């Protein structure tokens, strides 16, 4: 999501942001990219090589269980740990995300 990647790091008066200048430079480079042209070129190359692009809905992927599909904010106990509240499936959060993307 380009909007969240390029959000400001300014913070507030009570909690000022950190590394604001570095984040500003990163934001500019992200927003300067031609994302539409990149997608067009990717589609063209995939057609040429008879490939296939599968677009994935990224919303709630970190909260969705790869075993039963249950989605809840409480499933993601920390940055590293995923434990499903419905079926009890527990594993590394990155592994849980990867399993949903396998074809």
PDB file of N, CA and C in Angstrom:
ATOM      1  N   UNK A   1       0.852  -1.171   0.000  1.00  0.00           N
ATOM      2  CA  UNK A   1       0.000   0.000   0.000  1.00  0.00           C
ATOM      3  C   UNK A   1       0.899   1.236   0.000  1.00  0.00           C
ATOM      4  N   UNK A   2       0.865   1.969  -1.083  1.00  0.00           N
ATOM      5  CA  UNK A   2       1.744   3.127  -1.269  1.00  0.00           C
ATOM      6  C   UNK A   2       1.432   4.228  -0.261  1.00  0.00           C
ATOM      7  N   UNK A   3       0.163   4.428   0.060  1.00  0.00           N
ATOM      8  CA  UNK A   3      -0.202   5.495   1.005  1.00  0.00           C
ATOM      9  C   UNK A   3       0.403   5.269   2.385  1.00  0.00           C
ATOM     10  N   UNK A   4       0.338   4.056   2.879  1.00  0.00           N
ATOM     11  CA  UNK A   4       0.897   3.807   4.214  1.00  0.00           C
ATOM     12  C   UNK A   4       2.426   3.787   4.184  1.00  0.00           C
ATOM     13  N   UNK A   5       3.014   3.335   3.061  1.00  0.00           N
ATOM     14  CA  UNK A   5       4.473   3.331   2.962  1.00  0.00           C
ATOM     15  C   UNK A   5       5.035   4.745   2.938  1.00  0.00           C
ATOM     16  N   UNK A   6       4.268   5.690   2.376  1.00  0.00           N
ATOM     17  CA  UNK A   6       4.790   7.049   2.225  1.00  0.00           C
ATOM     18  C   UNK A   6       4.183   8.025   3.228  1.00  0.00           C
ATOM     19  N   UNK A   7       3.637   7.536   4.320  1.00  0.00           N
ATOM     20  CA  UNK A   7       3.058   8.427   5.327  1.00  0.00           C
ATOM     21  C   UNK A   7       4.154   9.215   6.038  1.00  0.00           C
ATOM     22  N   UNK A   8       3.784  10.343   6.583  1.00  0.00           N
ATOM     23  CA  UNK A   8       4.743  11.245   7.219  1.00  0.00           C
ATOM     24  C   UNK A   8       5.243  10.680   8.545  1.00  0.00           C
ATOM     25  N   UNK A   9       6.473  11.058   8.904  1.00  0.00           N
ATOM     26  CA  UNK A   9       7.061  10.634  10.178  1.00  0.00           C
ATOM     27  C   UNK A   9       7.140  11.797  11.156  1.00  0.00           C
ATOM     28  N   UNK A  10       6.420  12.892  10.863  1.00  0.00           N
ATOM     29  CA  UNK A  10       6.515  14.098  11.692  1.00  0.00           C
ATOM     30  C   UNK A  10       6.119  13.870  13.133  1.00  0.00           C
ATOM     31  N   UNK A  11       5.074  13.123  13.356  1.00  0.00           N
ATOM     32  CA  UNK A  11       4.588  12.911  14.718  1.00  0.00           C
ATOM     33  C   UNK A  11       3.750  14.090  15.186  1.00  0.00           C
ATOM     34  N   UNK A  12       3.713  14.312  16.502  1.00  0.00           N
ATOM     35  CA  UNK A  12       2.934  15.402  17.096  1.00  0.00           C
ATOM     36  C   UNK A  12       3.846  16.225  17.996  1.00  0.00           C
ATOM     37  N   UNK A  13       3.292  17.278  18.575  1.00  0.00           N
ATOM     38  CA  UNK A  13       4.078  18.088  19.506  1.00  0.00           C
ATOM     39  C   UNK A  13       4.479  17.279  20.738  1.00  0.00           C
ATOM     40  N   UNK A  14       3.549  16.444  21.224  1.00  0.00           N
ATOM     41  CA  UNK A  14       3.832  15.628  22.403  1.00  0.00           C
ATOM     42  C   UNK A  14       4.828  14.513  22.091  1.00  0.00           C
ATOM     43  N   UNK A  15       4.700  13.914  20.914  1.00  0.00           N
ATOM     44  CA  UNK A  15       5.575  12.818  20.503  1.00  0.00           C
ATOM     45  C   UNK A  15       6.132  13.109  19.115  1.00  0.00           C
ATOM     46  N   UNK A  16       7.224  13.861  19.041  1.00  0.00           N
ATOM     47  CA  UNK A  16       7.790  14.176  17.724  1.00  0.00           C
ATOM     48  C   UNK A  16       8.333  12.929  17.032  1.00  0.00           C
ATOM     49  N   UNK A  17       8.288  12.953  15.708  1.00  0.00           N
ATOM     50  CA  UNK A  17       8.765  11.812  14.935  1.00  0.00           C
ATOM     51  C   UNK A  17      10.273  11.670  14.978  1.00  0.00           C
ATOM     52  N   UNK A  18      10.734  10.491  14.584  1.00  0.00           N
ATOM     53  CA  UNK A  18      12.174  10.213  14.562  1.00  0.00           C
ATOM     54  C   UNK A  18      12.605  10.006  13.113  1.00  0.00           C
ATOM     55  N   UNK A  19      13.829  10.405  12.785  1.00  0.00           N
ATOM     56  CA  UNK A  19      14.384  10.226  11.439  1.00  0.00           C
ATOM     57  C   UNK A  19      13.490  10.826  10.361  1.00  0.00           C
ATOM     58  N   UNK A  20      12.954  12.009  10.634  1.00  0.00           N
ATOM     59  CA  UNK A  20      12.000  12.651   9.731  1.00  0.00           C
ATOM     60  C   UNK A  20      12.642  12.924   8.372  1.00  0.00           C
ATOM     61  N   UNK A  21      13.861  13.424   8.355  1.00  0.00           N
ATOM     62  CA  UNK A  21      14.517  13.746   7.082  1.00  0.00           C
ATOM     63  C   UNK A  21      14.738  12.478   6.248  1.00  0.00           C
ATOM     64  N   UNK A  22      15.201  11.415   6.858  1.00  0.00           N
ATOM     65  CA  UNK A  22      15.428  10.162   6.133  1.00  0.00           C
ATOM     66  C   UNK A  22      14.115   9.615   5.585  1.00  0.00           C
ATOM     67  N   UNK A  23      13.061   9.681   6.385  1.00  0.00           N
ATOM     68  CA  UNK A  23      11.752   9.204   5.938  1.00  0.00           C
ATOM     69  C   UNK A  23      11.245  10.056   4.787  1.00  0.00           C
ATOM     70  N   UNK A  24      11.510  11.367   4.831  1.00  0.00           N
ATOM     71  CA  UNK A  24      11.094  12.269   3.765  1.00  0.00           C
ATOM     72  C   UNK A  24      11.761  11.898   2.440  1.00  0.00           C
ATOM     73  N   UNK A  25      13.050  11.585   2.491  1.00  0.00           N
ATOM     74  CA  UNK A  25      13.775  11.180   1.283  1.00  0.00           C
ATOM     75  C   UNK A  25      13.223   9.855   0.753  1.00  0.00           C
ATOM     76  N   UNK A  26      12.968   8.913   1.646  1.00  0.00           N
ATOM     77  CA  UNK A  26      12.396   7.628   1.246  1.00  0.00           C
ATOM     78  C   UNK A  26      11.021   7.824   0.612  1.00  0.00           C
ATOM     79  N   UNK A  27      10.173   8.658   1.242  1.00  0.00           N
ATOM     80  CA  UNK A  27       8.839   8.922   0.698  1.00  0.00           C
ATOM     81  C   UNK A  27       8.923   9.475  -0.714  1.00  0.00           C
ATOM     82  N   UNK A  28       9.831  10.419  -0.941  1.00  0.00           N
ATOM     83  CA  UNK A  28       9.971  11.020  -2.268  1.00  0.00           C
ATOM     84  C   UNK A  28      10.364   9.966  -3.288  1.00  0.00           C
ATOM     85  N   UNK A  29      11.290   9.087  -2.940  1.00  0.00           N
ATOM     86  CA  UNK A  29      11.711   8.062  -3.895  1.00  0.00           C
ATOM     87  C   UNK A  29      10.593   7.050  -4.167  1.00  0.00           C
ATOM     88  N   UNK A  30       9.789   6.728  -3.162  1.00  0.00           N
ATOM     89  CA  UNK A  30       8.656   5.815  -3.365  1.00  0.00           C
ATOM     90  C   UNK A  30       7.634   6.448  -4.301  1.00  0.00           C
ATOM     91  N   UNK A  31       7.311   7.714  -4.047  1.00  0.00           N
ATOM     92  CA  UNK A  31       6.282   8.387  -4.835  1.00  0.00           C
ATOM     93  C   UNK A  31       6.760   8.746  -6.238  1.00  0.00           C
ATOM     94  N   UNK A  32       8.074   8.820  -6.463  1.00  0.00           N
ATOM     95  CA  UNK A  32       8.611   9.133  -7.790  1.00  0.00           C
ATOM     96  C   UNK A  32       8.558   7.939  -8.740  1.00  0.00           C
ATOM     97  N   UNK A  33       8.318   6.760  -8.222  1.00  0.00           N
ATOM     98  CA  UNK A  33       8.304   5.569  -9.064  1.00  0.00           C
ATOM     99  C   UNK A  33       7.056   5.558  -9.943  1.00  0.00           C
ATOM    100  N   UNK A  34       7.185   4.982 -11.123  1.00  0.00           N
ATOM    101  CA  UNK A  34       6.054   4.849 -12.045  1.00  0.00           C
ATOM    102  C   UNK A  34       5.374   3.513 -11.837  1.00  0.00           C
ATOM    103  N   UNK A  35       4.558   3.414 -10.798  1.00  0.00           N
ATOM    104  CA  UNK A  35       3.945   2.132 -10.434  1.00  0.00           C
ATOM    105  C   UNK A  35       2.988   1.618 -11.502  1.00  0.00           C
ATOM    106  N   UNK A  36       2.246   2.517 -12.170  1.00  0.00           N
ATOM    107  CA  UNK A  36       1.321   2.084 -13.227  1.00  0.00           C
ATOM    108  C   UNK A  36       2.114   1.512 -14.401  1.00  0.00           C
ATOM    109  N   UNK A  37       3.183   2.212 -14.799  1.00  0.00           N
ATOM    110  CA  UNK A  37       4.013   1.734 -15.911  1.00  0.00           C
ATOM    111  C   UNK A  37       4.667   0.396 -15.560  1.00  0.00           C
ATOM    112  N   UNK A  38       5.101   0.241 -14.322  1.00  0.00           N
ATOM    113  CA  UNK A  38       5.676  -1.028 -13.876  1.00  0.00           C
ATOM    114  C   UNK A  38       4.666  -2.158 -14.040  1.00  0.00           C
ATOM    115  N   UNK A  39       3.416  -1.927 -13.624  1.00  0.00           N
ATOM    116  CA  UNK A  39       2.363  -2.947 -13.742  1.00  0.00           C
ATOM    117  C   UNK A  39       2.088  -3.270 -15.208  1.00  0.00           C
ATOM    118  N   UNK A  40       2.055  -2.238 -16.074  1.00  0.00           N
ATOM    119  CA  UNK A  40       1.833  -2.467 -17.509  1.00  0.00           C
ATOM    120  C   UNK A  40       2.954  -3.315 -18.108  1.00  0.00           C
ATOM    121  N   UNK A  41       4.197  -3.004 -17.769  1.00  0.00           N
ATOM    122  CA  UNK A  41       5.335  -3.770 -18.278  1.00  0.00           C
ATOM    123  C   UNK A  41       5.311  -5.207 -17.757  1.00  0.00           C
ATOM    124  N   UNK A  42       4.944  -5.371 -16.510  1.00  0.00           N
ATOM    125  CA  UNK A  42       4.854  -6.708 -15.929  1.00  0.00           C
ATOM    126  C   UNK A  42       3.788  -7.534 -16.649  1.00  0.00           C
ATOM    127  N   UNK A  43       2.614  -6.945 -16.885  1.00  0.00           N
ATOM    128  CA  UNK A  43       1.549  -7.634 -17.627  1.00  0.00           C
ATOM    129  C   UNK A  43       2.016  -8.019 -19.027  1.00  0.00           C
ATOM    130  N   UNK A  44       2.695  -7.084 -19.707  1.00  0.00           N
ATOM    131  CA  UNK A  44       3.194  -7.326 -21.063  1.00  0.00           C
ATOM    132  C   UNK A  44       4.178  -8.497 -21.083  1.00  0.00           C
ATOM    133  N   UNK A  45       5.142  -8.485 -20.175  1.00  0.00           N
ATOM    134  CA  UNK A  45       6.153  -9.546 -20.136  1.00  0.00           C
ATOM    135  C   UNK A  45       5.535 -10.897 -19.790  1.00  0.00           C
ATOM    136  N   UNK A  46       4.559 -10.895 -18.890  1.00  0.00           N
ATOM    137  CA  UNK A  46       3.904 -12.151 -18.521  1.00  0.00           C
ATOM    138  C   UNK A  46       3.104 -12.715 -19.686  1.00  0.00           C
ATOM    139  N   UNK A  47       2.421 -11.848 -20.451  1.00  0.00           N
ATOM    140  CA  UNK A  47       1.706 -12.303 -21.649  1.00  0.00           C
ATOM    141  C   UNK A  47       2.686 -12.898 -22.657  1.00  0.00           C
ATOM    142  N   UNK A  48       3.816 -12.239 -22.832  1.00  0.00           N
ATOM    143  CA  UNK A  48       4.830 -12.657 -23.791  1.00  0.00           C
ATOM    144  C   UNK A  48       5.400 -14.027 -23.430  1.00  0.00           C
ATOM    145  N   UNK A  49       5.605 -14.281 -22.160  1.00  0.00           N
ATOM    146  CA  UNK A  49       6.164 -15.549 -21.688  1.00  0.00           C
ATOM    147  C   UNK A  49       5.093 -16.539 -21.238  1.00  0.00           C
ATOM    148  N   UNK A  50       3.839 -16.216 -21.512  1.00  0.00           N
ATOM    149  CA  UNK A  50       2.694 -17.041 -21.108  1.00  0.00           C
ATOM    150  C   UNK A  50       2.662 -17.259 -19.593  1.00  0.00           C
ATOM    151  N   UNK A  51       2.982 -16.203 -18.876  1.00  0.00           N
ATOM    152  CA  UNK A  51       2.939 -16.247 -17.416  1.00  0.00           C
ATOM    153  C   UNK A  51       1.595 -15.753 -16.904  1.00  0.00           C
ATOM    154  N   UNK A  52       1.451 -15.716 -15.620  1.00  0.00           N
ATOM    155  CA  UNK A  52       0.195 -15.294 -15.013  1.00  0.00           C
ATOM    156  C   UNK A  52       0.486 -14.470 -13.768  1.00  0.00           C
ATOM    157  N   UNK A  53      -0.195 -13.340 -13.661  1.00  0.00           N
ATOM    158  CA  UNK A  53      -0.083 -12.488 -12.486  1.00  0.00           C
ATOM    159  C   UNK A  53      -1.324 -12.693 -11.631  1.00  0.00           C
ATOM    160  N   UNK A  54      -1.119 -13.033 -10.386  1.00  0.00           N
ATOM    161  CA  UNK A  54      -2.235 -13.216  -9.464  1.00  0.00           C
ATOM    162  C   UNK A  54      -2.158 -12.111  -8.429  1.00  0.00           C
ATOM    163  N   UNK A  55      -3.171 -11.247  -8.421  1.00  0.00           N
ATOM    164  CA  UNK A  55      -3.204 -10.155  -7.455  1.00  0.00           C
ATOM    165  C   UNK A  55      -3.862 -10.646  -6.172  1.00  0.00           C
ATOM    166  N   UNK A  56      -3.237 -10.345  -5.056  1.00  0.00           N
ATOM    167  CA  UNK A  56      -3.693 -10.821  -3.755  1.00  0.00           C
ATOM    168  C   UNK A  56      -4.266  -9.659  -2.966  1.00  0.00           C
ATOM    169  N   UNK A  57      -5.424  -9.866  -2.356  1.00  0.00           N
ATOM    170  CA  UNK A  57      -5.998  -8.857  -1.471  1.00  0.00           C
ATOM    171  C   UNK A  57      -5.193  -8.875  -0.175  1.00  0.00           C
ATOM    172  N   UNK A  58      -4.465  -7.807   0.068  1.00  0.00           N
ATOM    173  CA  UNK A  58      -3.541  -7.756   1.202  1.00  0.00           C
ATOM    174  C   UNK A  58      -4.224  -7.464   2.530  1.00  0.00           C
ATOM    175  N   UNK A  59      -5.483  -7.042   2.501  1.00  0.00           N
ATOM    176  CA  UNK A  59      -6.148  -6.659   3.747  1.00  0.00           C
ATOM    177  C   UNK A  59      -6.330  -7.863   4.674  1.00  0.00           C
ATOM    178  N   UNK A  60      -5.971  -7.685   5.900  1.00  0.00           N
ATOM    179  CA  UNK A  60      -6.152  -8.660   6.985  1.00  0.00           C
ATOM    180  C   UNK A  60      -5.340  -9.945   6.806  1.00  0.00           C
ATOM    181  N   UNK A  61      -4.356  -9.968   5.904  1.00  0.00           N
ATOM    182  CA  UNK A  61      -3.583 -11.202   5.714  1.00  0.00           C
ATOM    183  C   UNK A  61      -2.795 -11.580   6.959  1.00  0.00           C
ATOM    184  N   UNK A  62      -2.380 -10.595   7.746  1.00  0.00           N
ATOM    185  CA  UNK A  62      -1.605 -10.918   8.949  1.00  0.00           C
ATOM    186  C   UNK A  62      -2.494 -11.418  10.082  1.00  0.00           C
ATOM    187  N   UNK A  63      -3.819 -11.297   9.928  1.00  0.00           N
ATOM    188  CA  UNK A  63      -4.748 -11.720  10.975  1.00  0.00           C
ATOM    189  C   UNK A  63      -5.541 -12.968  10.580  1.00  0.00           C
ATOM    190  N   UNK A  64      -5.371 -13.474   9.349  1.00  0.00           N
ATOM    191  CA  UNK A  64      -6.136 -14.612   8.843  1.00  0.00           C
ATOM    192  C   UNK A  64      -5.356 -15.906   9.035  1.00  0.00           C
ATOM    193  N   UNK A  65      -6.031 -16.914   9.569  1.00  0.00           N
ATOM    194  CA  UNK A  65      -5.419 -18.220   9.818  1.00  0.00           C
ATOM    195  C   UNK A  65      -5.264 -18.989   8.505  1.00  0.00           C
ATOM    196  N   UNK A  66      -4.079 -19.566   8.284  1.00  0.00           N
ATOM    197  CA  UNK A  66      -3.845 -20.331   7.059  1.00  0.00           C
ATOM    198  C   UNK A  66      -4.509 -21.708   7.113  1.00  0.00           C
ATOM    199  N   UNK A  67      -4.926 -22.157   8.291  1.00  0.00           N
ATOM    200  CA  UNK A  67      -5.585 -23.466   8.419  1.00  0.00           C
ATOM    201  C   UNK A  67      -7.096 -23.380   8.238  1.00  0.00           C
ATOM    202  N   UNK A  68      -7.746 -22.520   9.035  1.00  0.00           N
ATOM    203  CA  UNK A  68      -9.211 -22.486   9.019  1.00  0.00           C
ATOM    204  C   UNK A  68      -9.788 -21.223   8.375  1.00  0.00           C
ATOM    205  N   UNK A  69      -8.964 -20.208   8.130  1.00  0.00           N
ATOM    206  CA  UNK A  69      -9.437 -18.980   7.496  1.00  0.00           C
ATOM    207  C   UNK A  69     -10.033 -17.964   8.449  1.00  0.00           C
ATOM    208  N   UNK A  70     -10.066 -18.274   9.737  1.00  0.00           N
ATOM    209  CA  UNK A  70     -10.625 -17.345  10.729  1.00  0.00           C
ATOM    210  C   UNK A  70      -9.778 -16.072  10.779  1.00  0.00           C
ATOM    211  N   UNK A  71     -10.451 -14.910  10.753  1.00  0.00           N
ATOM    212  CA  UNK A  71      -9.763 -13.619  10.786  1.00  0.00           C
ATOM    213  C   UNK A  71     -10.168 -12.860  12.032  1.00  0.00           C
ATOM    214  N   UNK A  72      -9.183 -12.484  12.842  1.00  0.00           N
ATOM    215  CA  UNK A  72      -9.435 -11.691  14.045  1.00  0.00           C
ATOM    216  C   UNK A  72      -8.155 -10.962  14.431  1.00  0.00           C
ATOM    217  N   UNK A  73      -8.320  -9.774  14.961  1.00  0.00           N
ATOM    218  CA  UNK A  73      -7.165  -8.989  15.395  1.00  0.00           C
ATOM    219  C   UNK A  73      -6.378  -9.723  16.479  1.00  0.00           C
ATOM    220  N   UNK A  74      -7.064 -10.458  17.327  1.00  0.00           N
ATOM    221  CA  UNK A  74      -6.423 -11.186  18.419  1.00  0.00           C
ATOM    222  C   UNK A  74      -5.577 -12.369  17.975  1.00  0.00           C
ATOM    223  N   UNK A  75      -5.733 -12.812  16.715  1.00  0.00           N
ATOM    224  CA  UNK A  75      -4.913 -13.911  16.209  1.00  0.00           C
ATOM    225  C   UNK A  75      -3.434 -13.546  16.174  1.00  0.00           C
ATOM    226  N   UNK A  76      -3.151 -12.275  15.947  1.00  0.00           N
ATOM    227  CA  UNK A  76      -1.757 -11.823  15.848  1.00  0.00           C
ATOM    228  C   UNK A  76      -1.333 -11.324  17.214  1.00  0.00           C
ATOM    229  N   UNK A  77      -0.716 -12.203  17.999  1.00  0.00           N
ATOM    230  CA  UNK A  77      -0.370 -11.879  19.378  1.00  0.00           C
ATOM    231  C   UNK A  77       0.829 -10.955  19.476  1.00  0.00           C
ATOM    232  N   UNK A  78       1.736 -11.028  18.522  1.00  0.00           N
ATOM    233  CA  UNK A  78       2.900 -10.141  18.491  1.00  0.00           C
ATOM    234  C   UNK A  78       3.377 -10.058  17.048  1.00  0.00           C
ATOM    235  N   UNK A  79       4.452  -9.346  16.826  1.00  0.00           N
ATOM    236  CA  UNK A  79       5.015  -9.230  15.480  1.00  0.00           C
ATOM    237  C   UNK A  79       5.438 -10.596  14.945  1.00  0.00           C
ATOM    238  N   UNK A  80       5.870 -11.490  15.830  1.00  0.00           N
ATOM    239  CA  UNK A  80       6.422 -12.773  15.400  1.00  0.00           C
ATOM    240  C   UNK A  80       5.489 -13.963  15.607  1.00  0.00           C
ATOM    241  N   UNK A  81       4.515 -13.857  16.498  1.00  0.00           N
ATOM    242  CA  UNK A  81       3.699 -15.017  16.874  1.00  0.00           C
ATOM    243  C   UNK A  81       2.275 -14.883  16.354  1.00  0.00           C
ATOM    244  N   UNK A  82       1.794 -15.965  15.696  1.00  0.00           N
ATOM    245  CA  UNK A  82       0.415 -16.047  15.241  1.00  0.00           C
ATOM    246  C   UNK A  82      -0.229 -17.231  15.942  1.00  0.00           C
ATOM    247  N   UNK A  83      -1.394 -17.001  16.576  1.00  0.00           N
ATOM    248  CA  UNK A  83      -2.150 -18.088  17.198  1.00  0.00           C
ATOM    249  C   UNK A  83      -3.624 -17.839  16.931  1.00  0.00           C
ATOM    250  N   UNK A  84      -4.256 -18.778  16.216  1.00  0.00           N
ATOM    251  CA  UNK A  84      -5.660 -18.636  15.845  1.00  0.00           C
ATOM    252  C   UNK A  84      -6.551 -18.827  17.066  1.00  0.00           C
ATOM    253  N   UNK A  85      -7.463 -17.896  17.260  1.00  0.00           N
ATOM    254  CA  UNK A  85      -8.403 -17.980  18.381  1.00  0.00           C
ATOM    255  C   UNK A  85      -9.472 -19.038  18.143  1.00  0.00           C
ATOM    256  N   UNK A  86      -9.721 -19.394  16.866  1.00  0.00           N
ATOM    257  CA  UNK A  86     -10.774 -20.360  16.550  1.00  0.00           C
ATOM    258  C   UNK A  86     -10.280 -21.807  16.614  1.00  0.00           C
ATOM    259  N   UNK A  87      -9.170 -22.105  15.924  1.00  0.00           N
ATOM    260  CA  UNK A  87      -8.731 -23.505  15.845  1.00  0.00           C
ATOM    261  C   UNK A  87      -7.475 -23.807  16.654  1.00  0.00           C
ATOM    262  N   UNK A  88      -6.821 -22.780  17.198  1.00  0.00           N
ATOM    263  CA  UNK A  88      -5.638 -22.986  18.019  1.00  0.00           C
ATOM    264  C   UNK A  88      -4.339 -23.143  17.247  1.00  0.00           C
ATOM    265  N   UNK A  89      -4.398 -23.043  15.920  1.00  0.00           N
ATOM    266  CA  UNK A  89      -3.189 -23.155  15.088  1.00  0.00           C
ATOM    267  C   UNK A  89      -2.184 -22.086  15.514  1.00  0.00           C
ATOM    268  N   UNK A  90      -0.923 -22.500  15.763  1.00  0.00           N
ATOM    269  CA  UNK A  90       0.096 -21.562  16.227  1.00  0.00           C
ATOM    270  C   UNK A  90       1.387 -21.774  15.453  1.00  0.00           C
ATOM    271  N   UNK A  91       1.962 -20.678  14.953  1.00  0.00           N
ATOM    272  CA  UNK A  91       3.252 -20.731  14.278  1.00  0.00           C
ATOM    273  C   UNK A  91       3.802 -19.324  14.088  1.00  0.00           C
ATOM    274  N   UNK A  92       4.985 -19.252  13.501  1.00  0.00           N
ATOM    275  CA  UNK A  92       5.590 -17.967  13.196  1.00  0.00           C
ATOM    276  C   UNK A  92       4.660 -17.192  12.266  1.00  0.00           C
ATOM    277  N   UNK A  93       4.462 -15.919  12.537  1.00  0.00           N
ATOM    278  CA  UNK A  93       3.511 -15.112  11.776  1.00  0.00           C
ATOM    279  C   UNK A  93       3.884 -15.021  10.300  1.00  0.00           C
ATOM    280  N   UNK A  94       5.171 -14.934   9.984  1.00  0.00           N
ATOM    281  CA  UNK A  94       5.594 -14.859   8.584  1.00  0.00           C
ATOM    282  C   UNK A  94       5.299 -16.155   7.843  1.00  0.00           C
ATOM    283  N   UNK A  95       5.476 -17.282   8.498  1.00  0.00           N
ATOM    284  CA  UNK A  95       5.182 -18.578   7.885  1.00  0.00           C
ATOM    285  C   UNK A  95       3.687 -18.692   7.624  1.00  0.00           C
ATOM    286  N   UNK A  96       2.856 -18.249   8.560  1.00  0.00           N
ATOM    287  CA  UNK A  96       1.409 -18.275   8.383  1.00  0.00           C
ATOM    288  C   UNK A  96       1.007 -17.448   7.166  1.00  0.00           C
ATOM    289  N   UNK A  97       1.610 -16.266   6.985  1.00  0.00           N
ATOM    290  CA  UNK A  97       1.315 -15.421   5.824  1.00  0.00           C
ATOM    291  C   UNK A  97       1.742 -16.103   4.534  1.00  0.00           C
ATOM    292  N   UNK A  98       2.931 -16.720   4.520  1.00  0.00           N
ATOM    293  CA  UNK A  98       3.449 -17.361   3.318  1.00  0.00           C
ATOM    294  C   UNK A  98       2.569 -18.518   2.869  1.00  0.00           C
ATOM    295  N   UNK A  99       2.030 -19.272   3.810  1.00  0.00           N
ATOM    296  CA  UNK A  99       1.213 -20.432   3.463  1.00  0.00           C
ATOM    297  C   UNK A  99      -0.053 -20.020   2.723  1.00  0.00           C
ATOM    298  N   UNK A 100      -0.568 -18.829   2.997  1.00  0.00           N
ATOM    299  CA  UNK A 100      -1.768 -18.365   2.303  1.00  0.00           C
ATOM    300  C   UNK A 100      -1.467 -17.971   0.864  1.00  0.00           C
ATOM    301  N   UNK A 101      -0.204 -17.670   0.551  1.00  0.00           N
ATOM    302  CA  UNK A 101       0.167 -17.221  -0.785  1.00  0.00           C
ATOM    303  C   UNK A 101       0.650 -18.343  -1.687  1.00  0.00           C
ATOM    304  N   UNK A 102       0.884 -19.537  -1.154  1.00  0.00           N
ATOM    305  CA  UNK A 102       1.341 -20.649  -1.978  1.00  0.00           C
ATOM    306  C   UNK A 102       0.245 -21.066  -2.942  1.00  0.00           C
ATOM    307  N   UNK A 103       0.665 -21.456  -4.137  1.00  0.00           N
ATOM    308  CA  UNK A 103      -0.305 -21.878  -5.160  1.00  0.00           C
ATOM    309  C   UNK A 103      -0.295 -23.379  -5.328  1.00  0.00           C
TER     310      UNK A 103
END
